[in-house]
PDB file of all heavy atoms in Angstrom:
ATOM      1  N   GLN A   1     -22.349  -3.606  -7.337  1.00  0.00           N
ATOM      2  CA  GLN A   1     -23.670  -2.917  -7.356  1.00  0.00           C
ATOM      3  C   GLN A   1     -23.864  -2.198  -6.083  1.00  0.00           C
ATOM      4  O   GLN A   1     -24.996  -2.051  -5.732  1.00  0.00           O
ATOM      5  CB  GLN A   1     -24.721  -3.905  -7.629  1.00  0.00           C
ATOM      6  CG  GLN A   1     -24.632  -4.584  -9.004  1.00  0.00           C
ATOM      7  CD  GLN A   1     -24.838  -3.588 -10.202  1.00  0.00           C
ATOM      8  OE1 GLN A   1     -25.942  -3.097 -10.530  1.00  0.00           O
ATOM      9  NE2 GLN A   1     -23.712  -3.395 -10.858  1.00  0.00           N
ATOM     10  N   ARG A   2     -23.004  -1.516  -5.456  1.00  0.00           N
ATOM     11  CA  ARG A   2     -22.896  -0.680  -4.315  1.00  0.00           C
ATOM     12  C   ARG A   2     -22.142   0.537  -4.413  1.00  0.00           C
ATOM     13  O   ARG A   2     -21.160   0.588  -5.168  1.00  0.00           O
ATOM     14  CB  ARG A   2     -22.627  -1.394  -3.043  1.00  0.00           C
ATOM     15  CG  ARG A   2     -23.494  -2.756  -2.833  1.00  0.00           C
ATOM     16  CD  ARG A   2     -23.024  -3.393  -1.506  1.00  0.00           C
ATOM     17  NE  ARG A   2     -23.824  -4.636  -1.203  1.00  0.00           N
ATOM     18  CZ  ARG A   2     -25.044  -4.698  -0.750  1.00  0.00           C
ATOM     19  NH1 ARG A   2     -25.715  -3.574  -0.487  1.00  0.00           N
ATOM     20  NH2 ARG A   2     -25.566  -5.896  -0.535  1.00  0.00           N
ATOM     21  N   ASN A   3     -22.346   1.522  -3.617  1.00  0.00           N
ATOM     22  CA  ASN A   3     -21.467   2.835  -3.624  1.00  0.00           C
ATOM     23  C   ASN A   3     -20.220   2.367  -2.812  1.00  0.00           C
ATOM     24  O   ASN A   3     -20.289   1.893  -1.673  1.00  0.00           O
ATOM     25  CB  ASN A   3     -22.283   3.902  -3.076  1.00  0.00           C
ATOM     26  CG  ASN A   3     -23.333   4.476  -3.880  1.00  0.00           C
ATOM     27  OD1 ASN A   3     -23.212   4.433  -5.223  1.00  0.00           O
ATOM     28  ND2 ASN A   3     -24.305   4.963  -3.303  1.00  0.00           N
ATOM     29  N   VAL A   4     -19.131   2.617  -3.345  1.00  0.00           N
ATOM     30  CA  VAL A   4     -17.851   2.217  -2.880  1.00  0.00           C
ATOM     31  C   VAL A   4     -16.885   3.305  -2.642  1.00  0.00           C
ATOM     32  O   VAL A   4     -16.876   4.144  -3.703  1.00  0.00           O
ATOM     33  CB  VAL A   4     -17.235   1.042  -3.534  1.00  0.00           C
ATOM     34  CG1 VAL A   4     -15.853   0.676  -2.980  1.00  0.00           C
ATOM     35  CG2 VAL A   4     -18.043  -0.200  -3.735  1.00  0.00           C
ATOM     36  N   THR A   5     -16.298   3.477  -1.585  1.00  0.00           N
ATOM     37  CA  THR A   5     -15.250   4.592  -1.438  1.00  0.00           C
ATOM     38  C   THR A   5     -13.846   4.010  -1.092  1.00  0.00           C
ATOM     39  O   THR A   5     -13.727   3.050  -0.252  1.00  0.00           O
ATOM     40  CB  THR A   5     -15.620   5.549  -0.168  1.00  0.00           C
ATOM     41  OG1 THR A   5     -16.908   6.070  -0.347  1.00  0.00           O
ATOM     42  CG2 THR A   5     -14.551   6.713  -0.060  1.00  0.00           C
ATOM     43  N   VAL A   6     -12.836   4.457  -1.875  1.00  0.00           N
ATOM     44  CA  VAL A   6     -11.472   3.862  -1.629  1.00  0.00           C
ATOM     45  C   VAL A   6     -10.360   5.015  -1.754  1.00  0.00           C
ATOM     46  O   VAL A   6     -10.617   6.004  -2.397  1.00  0.00           O
ATOM     47  CB  VAL A   6     -11.139   2.901  -2.807  1.00  0.00           C
ATOM     48  CG1 VAL A   6      -9.796   2.241  -2.563  1.00  0.00           C
ATOM     49  CG2 VAL A   6     -12.288   1.959  -3.059  1.00  0.00           C
ATOM     50  N   SER A   7      -9.419   5.014  -0.767  1.00  0.00           N
ATOM     51  CA  SER A   7      -8.407   5.843  -0.855  1.00  0.00           C
ATOM     52  C   SER A   7      -7.071   4.993  -0.971  1.00  0.00           C
ATOM     53  O   SER A   7      -7.031   3.885  -0.755  1.00  0.00           O
ATOM     54  CB  SER A   7      -8.318   6.757   0.467  1.00  0.00           C
ATOM     55  OG  SER A   7      -7.972   5.884   1.529  1.00  0.00           O
ATOM     56  N   ASP A   8      -5.969   5.763  -1.340  1.00  0.00           N
ATOM     57  CA  ASP A   8      -4.823   5.132  -1.509  1.00  0.00           C
ATOM     58  C   ASP A   8      -4.251   4.394  -0.303  1.00  0.00           C
ATOM     59  O   ASP A   8      -3.538   3.392  -0.342  1.00  0.00           O
ATOM     60  CB  ASP A   8      -3.624   6.103  -2.082  1.00  0.00           C
ATOM     61  CG  ASP A   8      -3.923   6.765  -3.438  1.00  0.00           C
ATOM     62  OD1 ASP A   8      -4.681   6.068  -4.131  1.00  0.00           O
ATOM     63  OD2 ASP A   8      -3.488   7.862  -3.798  1.00  0.00           O
ATOM     64  N   LYS A   9      -4.504   4.933   0.833  1.00  0.00           N
ATOM     65  CA  LYS A   9      -4.026   4.402   2.100  1.00  0.00           C
ATOM     66  C   LYS A   9      -4.854   3.064   2.358  1.00  0.00           C
ATOM     67  O   LYS A   9      -4.367   2.382   3.354  1.00  0.00           O
ATOM     68  CB  LYS A   9      -4.071   5.406   3.241  1.00  0.00           C
ATOM     69  CG  LYS A   9      -3.049   6.616   3.134  1.00  0.00           C
ATOM     70  CD  LYS A   9      -3.134   7.341   4.423  1.00  0.00           C
ATOM     71  CE  LYS A   9      -2.075   8.358   4.314  1.00  0.00           C
ATOM     72  NZ  LYS A   9      -1.965   9.251   5.503  1.00  0.00           N
ATOM     73  N   MET A  10      -5.863   2.890   1.884  1.00  0.00           N
ATOM     74  CA  MET A  10      -6.643   1.644   2.144  1.00  0.00           C
ATOM     75  C   MET A  10      -6.294   0.402   1.355  1.00  0.00           C
ATOM     76  O   MET A  10      -6.633  -0.735   1.459  1.00  0.00           O
ATOM     77  CB  MET A  10      -8.101   1.898   1.888  1.00  0.00           C
ATOM     78  CG  MET A  10      -8.668   3.050   2.662  1.00  0.00           C
ATOM     79  SD  MET A  10     -10.245   3.655   2.017  1.00  0.00           S
ATOM     80  CE  MET A  10     -11.501   2.385   2.399  1.00  0.00           C
ATOM     81  N   CYS A  11      -5.196   0.628   0.451  1.00  0.00           N
ATOM     82  CA  CYS A  11      -4.748  -0.479  -0.417  1.00  0.00           C
ATOM     83  C   CYS A  11      -3.260  -0.781  -0.005  1.00  0.00           C
ATOM     84  O   CYS A  11      -2.413   0.077   0.170  1.00  0.00           O
ATOM     85  CB  CYS A  11      -4.766  -0.177  -1.900  1.00  0.00           C
ATOM     86  SG  CYS A  11      -6.464   0.097  -2.425  1.00  0.00           S
ATOM     87  N   GLN A  12      -2.932  -2.079  -0.065  1.00  0.00           N
ATOM     88  CA  GLN A  12      -1.554  -2.571   0.271  1.00  0.00           C
ATOM     89  C   GLN A  12      -1.054  -3.465  -0.638  1.00  0.00           C
ATOM     90  O   GLN A  12      -1.598  -4.406  -1.111  1.00  0.00           O
ATOM     91  CB  GLN A  12      -1.585  -3.173   1.740  1.00  0.00           C
ATOM     92  CG  GLN A  12      -1.977  -2.357   2.847  1.00  0.00           C
ATOM     93  CD  GLN A  12      -2.007  -3.025   4.152  1.00  0.00           C
ATOM     94  OE1 GLN A  12      -0.939  -3.522   4.618  1.00  0.00           O
ATOM     95  NE2 GLN A  12      -3.167  -3.168   4.887  1.00  0.00           N
ATOM     96  N   LEU A  13       0.252  -3.333  -1.075  1.00  0.00           N
ATOM     97  CA  LEU A  13       0.978  -4.245  -1.892  1.00  0.00           C
ATOM     98  C   LEU A  13       1.641  -5.412  -1.140  1.00  0.00           C
ATOM     99  O   LEU A  13       1.966  -5.089   0.044  1.00  0.00           O
ATOM    100  CB  LEU A  13       1.863  -3.579  -2.837  1.00  0.00           C
ATOM    101  CG  LEU A  13       1.483  -2.566  -3.788  1.00  0.00           C
ATOM    102  CD1 LEU A  13       2.580  -1.917  -4.445  1.00  0.00           C
ATOM    103  CD2 LEU A  13       0.437  -3.079  -4.781  1.00  0.00           C
ATOM    104  N   SER A  14       1.973  -6.463  -1.701  1.00  0.00           N
ATOM    105  CA  SER A  14       2.738  -7.467  -1.053  1.00  0.00           C
ATOM    106  C   SER A  14       4.096  -6.943  -0.851  1.00  0.00           C
ATOM    107  O   SER A  14       4.708  -6.239  -1.865  1.00  0.00           O
ATOM    108  CB  SER A  14       2.723  -8.777  -1.847  1.00  0.00           C
ATOM    109  OG  SER A  14       3.689  -9.706  -1.410  1.00  0.00           O
ATOM    110  N   THR A  15       4.807  -7.252   0.249  1.00  0.00           N
ATOM    111  CA  THR A  15       6.117  -6.757   0.423  1.00  0.00           C
ATOM    112  C   THR A  15       7.061  -7.423  -0.598  1.00  0.00           C
ATOM    113  O   THR A  15       8.115  -6.974  -0.789  1.00  0.00           O
ATOM    114  CB  THR A  15       6.625  -7.269   1.884  1.00  0.00           C
ATOM    115  OG1 THR A  15       6.383  -8.552   2.072  1.00  0.00           O
ATOM    116  CG2 THR A  15       5.804  -6.567   2.936  1.00  0.00           C
ATOM    117  N   SER A  16       6.703  -8.612  -1.115  1.00  0.00           N
ATOM    118  CA  SER A  16       7.606  -9.210  -2.191  1.00  0.00           C
ATOM    119  C   SER A  16       7.585  -8.354  -3.466  1.00  0.00           C
ATOM    120  O   SER A  16       8.378  -8.620  -4.277  1.00  0.00           O
ATOM    121  CB  SER A  16       7.006 -10.703  -2.510  1.00  0.00           C
ATOM    122  OG  SER A  16       5.776 -10.644  -3.127  1.00  0.00           O
ATOM    123  N   ASN A  17       6.579  -7.457  -3.586  1.00  0.00           N
ATOM    124  CA  ASN A  17       6.558  -6.718  -4.793  1.00  0.00           C
ATOM    125  C   ASN A  17       7.401  -5.315  -4.601  1.00  0.00           C
ATOM    126  O   ASN A  17       7.349  -4.408  -5.336  1.00  0.00           O
ATOM    127  CB  ASN A  17       5.141  -6.260  -5.224  1.00  0.00           C
ATOM    128  CG  ASN A  17       4.485  -7.418  -5.704  1.00  0.00           C
ATOM    129  OD1 ASN A  17       4.971  -8.478  -6.320  1.00  0.00           O
ATOM    130  ND2 ASN A  17       3.160  -7.554  -5.481  1.00  0.00           N
ATOM    131  N   GLY A  18       8.172  -5.261  -3.555  1.00  0.00           N
ATOM    132  CA  GLY A  18       9.062  -4.104  -3.236  1.00  0.00           C
ATOM    133  C   GLY A  18       8.336  -2.864  -2.811  1.00  0.00           C
ATOM    134  O   GLY A  18       8.742  -1.857  -2.967  1.00  0.00           O
ATOM    135  N   SER A  19       7.197  -3.100  -2.117  1.00  0.00           N
ATOM    136  CA  SER A  19       6.458  -1.984  -1.546  1.00  0.00           C
ATOM    137  C   SER A  19       7.162  -1.425  -0.414  1.00  0.00           C
ATOM    138  O   SER A  19       6.774  -0.268  -0.075  1.00  0.00           O
ATOM    139  CB  SER A  19       4.977  -2.434  -1.228  1.00  0.00           C
ATOM    140  OG  SER A  19       5.026  -3.398  -0.373  1.00  0.00           O
ATOM    141  N   ARG A  20       8.060  -2.031   0.263  1.00  0.00           N
ATOM    142  CA  ARG A  20       8.766  -1.547   1.414  1.00  0.00           C
ATOM    143  C   ARG A  20      10.282  -1.729   1.116  1.00  0.00           C
ATOM    144  O   ARG A  20      10.758  -2.807   0.885  1.00  0.00           O
ATOM    145  CB  ARG A  20       8.405  -2.355   2.621  1.00  0.00           C
ATOM    146  CG  ARG A  20       6.905  -2.242   3.154  1.00  0.00           C
ATOM    147  CD  ARG A  20       6.464  -2.982   4.271  1.00  0.00           C
ATOM    148  NE  ARG A  20       5.137  -3.054   4.606  1.00  0.00           N
ATOM    149  CZ  ARG A  20       4.454  -3.678   5.493  1.00  0.00           C
ATOM    150  NH1 ARG A  20       5.247  -4.589   6.276  1.00  0.00           N
ATOM    151  NH2 ARG A  20       3.246  -3.632   5.730  1.00  0.00           N
ATOM    152  N   THR A  21      11.016  -0.710   1.353  1.00  0.00           N
ATOM    153  CA  THR A  21      12.399  -0.612   1.246  1.00  0.00           C
ATOM    154  C   THR A  21      12.986  -0.109   2.552  1.00  0.00           C
ATOM    155  O   THR A  21      12.363   0.602   3.319  1.00  0.00           O
ATOM    156  CB  THR A  21      12.872   0.222   0.061  1.00  0.00           C
ATOM    157  OG1 THR A  21      12.326   1.570   0.268  1.00  0.00           O
ATOM    158  CG2 THR A  21      12.332  -0.312  -1.198  1.00  0.00           C
ATOM    159  N   ILE A  22      14.310  -0.330   2.707  1.00  0.00           N
ATOM    160  CA  ILE A  22      15.126   0.131   3.829  1.00  0.00           C
ATOM    161  C   ILE A  22      15.584   1.451   3.520  1.00  0.00           C
ATOM    162  O   ILE A  22      16.385   1.644   2.694  1.00  0.00           O
ATOM    163  CB  ILE A  22      16.255  -0.942   4.209  1.00  0.00           C
ATOM    164  CG1 ILE A  22      15.665  -2.261   4.624  1.00  0.00           C
ATOM    165  CG2 ILE A  22      17.041  -0.346   5.324  1.00  0.00           C
ATOM    166  CD1 ILE A  22      16.624  -3.317   4.861  1.00  0.00           C
ATOM    167  N   SER A  23      15.084   2.373   4.296  1.00  0.00           N
ATOM    168  CA  SER A  23      15.544   3.871   4.145  1.00  0.00           C
ATOM    169  C   SER A  23      16.919   4.126   4.954  1.00  0.00           C
ATOM    170  O   SER A  23      17.382   3.199   5.786  1.00  0.00           O
ATOM    171  CB  SER A  23      14.438   4.757   4.653  1.00  0.00           C
ATOM    172  OG  SER A  23      14.312   4.624   5.976  1.00  0.00           O
ATOM    173  N   ILE A  24      17.367   5.309   4.646  1.00  0.00           N
ATOM    174  CA  ILE A  24      18.660   5.578   5.369  1.00  0.00           C
ATOM    175  C   ILE A  24      18.258   5.743   6.888  1.00  0.00           C
ATOM    176  O   ILE A  24      19.140   5.308   7.797  1.00  0.00           O
ATOM    177  CB  ILE A  24      19.067   6.939   4.884  1.00  0.00           C
ATOM    178  CG1 ILE A  24      19.584   6.872   3.486  1.00  0.00           C
ATOM    179  CG2 ILE A  24      20.356   7.574   5.823  1.00  0.00           C
ATOM    180  CD1 ILE A  24      20.009   8.208   2.787  1.00  0.00           C
ATOM    181  N   GLY A  25      17.248   6.273   7.245  1.00  0.00           N
ATOM    182  CA  GLY A  25      16.824   6.433   8.630  1.00  0.00           C
ATOM    183  C   GLY A  25      16.682   5.028   9.335  1.00  0.00           C
ATOM    184  O   GLY A  25      17.081   4.829  10.411  1.00  0.00           O
ATOM    185  N   MET A  26      16.044   4.109   8.561  1.00  0.00           N
ATOM    186  CA  MET A  26      15.971   2.750   9.160  1.00  0.00           C
ATOM    187  C   MET A  26      17.282   2.165   9.302  1.00  0.00           C
ATOM    188  O   MET A  26      17.527   1.434  10.479  1.00  0.00           O
ATOM    189  CB  MET A  26      15.024   1.912   8.180  1.00  0.00           C
ATOM    190  CG  MET A  26      13.610   2.301   8.146  1.00  0.00           C
ATOM    191  SD  MET A  26      12.846   1.577   6.794  1.00  0.00           S
ATOM    192  CE  MET A  26      12.767  -0.063   7.218  1.00  0.00           C
TER     193      MET A  26
END
């Protein structure tokens, strides 16, 4: 019951869900 602002960068997934992968640069 309040005004809320959210952006994509404000949300994080668990690393177990594959939100982070090893890139070629890494």
